[in-house]
Protein backbone atom coordinates (compact mmCIF):
# COMPACT_ATOMS: atom_id res chain seq x y z
CA MET A 1 91.30 88.33 97.30
CA TRP A 2 89.68 87.17 94.09
CA LYS A 3 88.22 83.91 95.35
CA ILE A 4 87.14 84.79 98.90
CA TRP A 5 86.87 88.53 99.40
CA ARG A 6 85.77 89.80 95.96
CA PRO A 7 82.30 88.18 96.18
CA ILE A 8 81.79 89.39 99.77
CA PHE A 9 82.73 93.00 99.05
CA GLU A 10 81.46 93.03 95.45
CA TRP A 11 84.78 94.21 94.02
CA GLU A 12 83.70 94.38 90.38
CA THR A 13 86.83 96.22 89.25
CA LEU A 14 89.39 93.51 90.02
CA CYS A 15 90.92 91.84 86.99
CA PRO A 16 89.59 88.27 86.92
CA VAL A 17 91.86 85.43 87.99
CA LEU A 18 91.56 82.60 85.49
CA ILE A 19 93.99 80.16 87.12
CA ALA A 20 96.03 80.34 90.32
CA ASP A 21 98.05 77.88 92.34
CA PRO A 22 97.07 77.49 96.02
CA LEU A 23 99.93 79.72 97.20
CA GLY A 24 99.24 82.48 94.68
CA ILE A 25 102.72 82.26 93.20
CA ILE A 26 101.37 81.58 89.72
CA VAL A 27 98.37 83.69 88.74
CA VAL A 28 96.93 83.87 85.23
CA MET A 29 94.66 86.79 84.30
CA PRO A 30 93.30 88.01 80.99
CA ARG A 31 95.60 90.46 79.21
CA ALA A 32 94.62 94.00 80.15
CA SER A 33 95.65 96.73 77.74
CA GLN A 34 97.54 99.72 79.05
CA PRO A 35 98.00 102.53 79.61
CA VAL A 36 94.94 103.95 81.26
CA THR A 37 94.74 107.57 82.37
CA HIS A 38 94.71 109.05 85.85
CA SER A 39 91.18 110.31 85.24
CA GLU A 40 90.02 106.79 84.31
CA VAL A 41 91.48 105.38 87.53
CA ASP A 42 90.04 108.26 89.58
CA ALA A 43 86.61 107.56 88.06
CA MET A 44 86.66 103.94 89.27
CA PRO A 45 84.43 103.21 92.26
CA ASP A 46 86.17 103.21 95.63
CA HIS A 47 86.99 99.78 96.96
CA TYR A 48 85.41 98.95 100.28
CA PRO A 49 87.42 97.92 102.08
CA ASP A 50 90.65 98.93 100.38
CA THR A 51 92.27 96.15 98.38
CA THR A 52 95.71 97.77 98.64
CA SER A 53 97.21 100.78 100.35
CA GLU A 54 98.26 102.43 97.11
CA THR A 55 96.63 103.15 93.78
CA LYS A 56 98.91 103.70 90.81
CA VAL A 57 97.85 104.10 87.21
CA GLU A 58 100.37 101.37 86.32
CA ASP A 59 98.37 98.93 88.48
CA HIS A 60 95.37 99.21 86.15
CA GLY A 61 94.45 98.19 82.64
CA ARG A 62 91.50 97.82 80.34
CA ILE A 63 89.59 94.68 79.45
CA GLY A 64 87.07 95.61 76.80
CA ASP A 65 85.51 98.87 78.00
CA ALA A 66 86.18 98.21 81.69
CA VAL A 67 89.12 99.63 83.63
CA VAL A 68 90.30 97.02 86.13
CA SER A 69 92.88 96.70 88.89
CA VAL A 70 95.55 94.24 87.80
CA ASP A 71 98.01 94.48 90.70
CA TYR A 72 96.15 93.72 93.89
CA GLY A 73 98.25 90.90 95.30
CA LEU A 74 100.10 91.04 98.59
CA PRO A 75 103.90 90.73 98.71
CA ASP A 76 104.53 88.70 101.86
CA ARG A 77 103.04 86.40 104.47
CA GLU A 78 102.81 89.05 107.19
CA MET A 79 100.86 91.39 104.93
CA VAL A 80 98.51 88.54 103.93
CA LYS A 81 97.87 87.77 107.59
CA SER A 82 97.21 91.44 108.38
CA ARG A 83 94.89 91.93 105.39
CA ARG A 84 92.90 88.78 106.19
CA ALA A 85 92.23 90.14 109.68
CA TYR A 86 91.27 93.52 108.19
CA TYR A 87 88.88 91.89 105.69
CA ARG A 88 87.31 89.67 108.37
CA GLN A 89 86.64 92.77 110.47
CA LYS A 90 85.18 94.68 107.52
CA ALA A 91 83.05 91.70 106.47
CA GLY A 92 81.54 91.69 109.97
CA GLU A 93 80.83 95.40 109.75
CA LYS A 94 79.20 94.96 106.35
CA GLY A 95 76.74 92.47 107.84
CA LYS A 96 75.57 94.94 110.47
């Protein structure tokens, strides 16, 4: 999501990935301080298209003054395949 889809959909609220292995098993991000409040998460811009199907306060943190999403990975191969198709479709719609 960070490398391919973030630039296309301009997802500015994703926590940056500093280093990741090709399979995404090891991902290094800056330390985001927690907790953040429900109102801070609700005030974040909506993601288009959705990065995940759920939004929990625990999935967010703060880097400097910015509230960022820190848990936006996908748990299994089938979900990755499904999300890639979803993002390809949405990327096509964005170009229209």
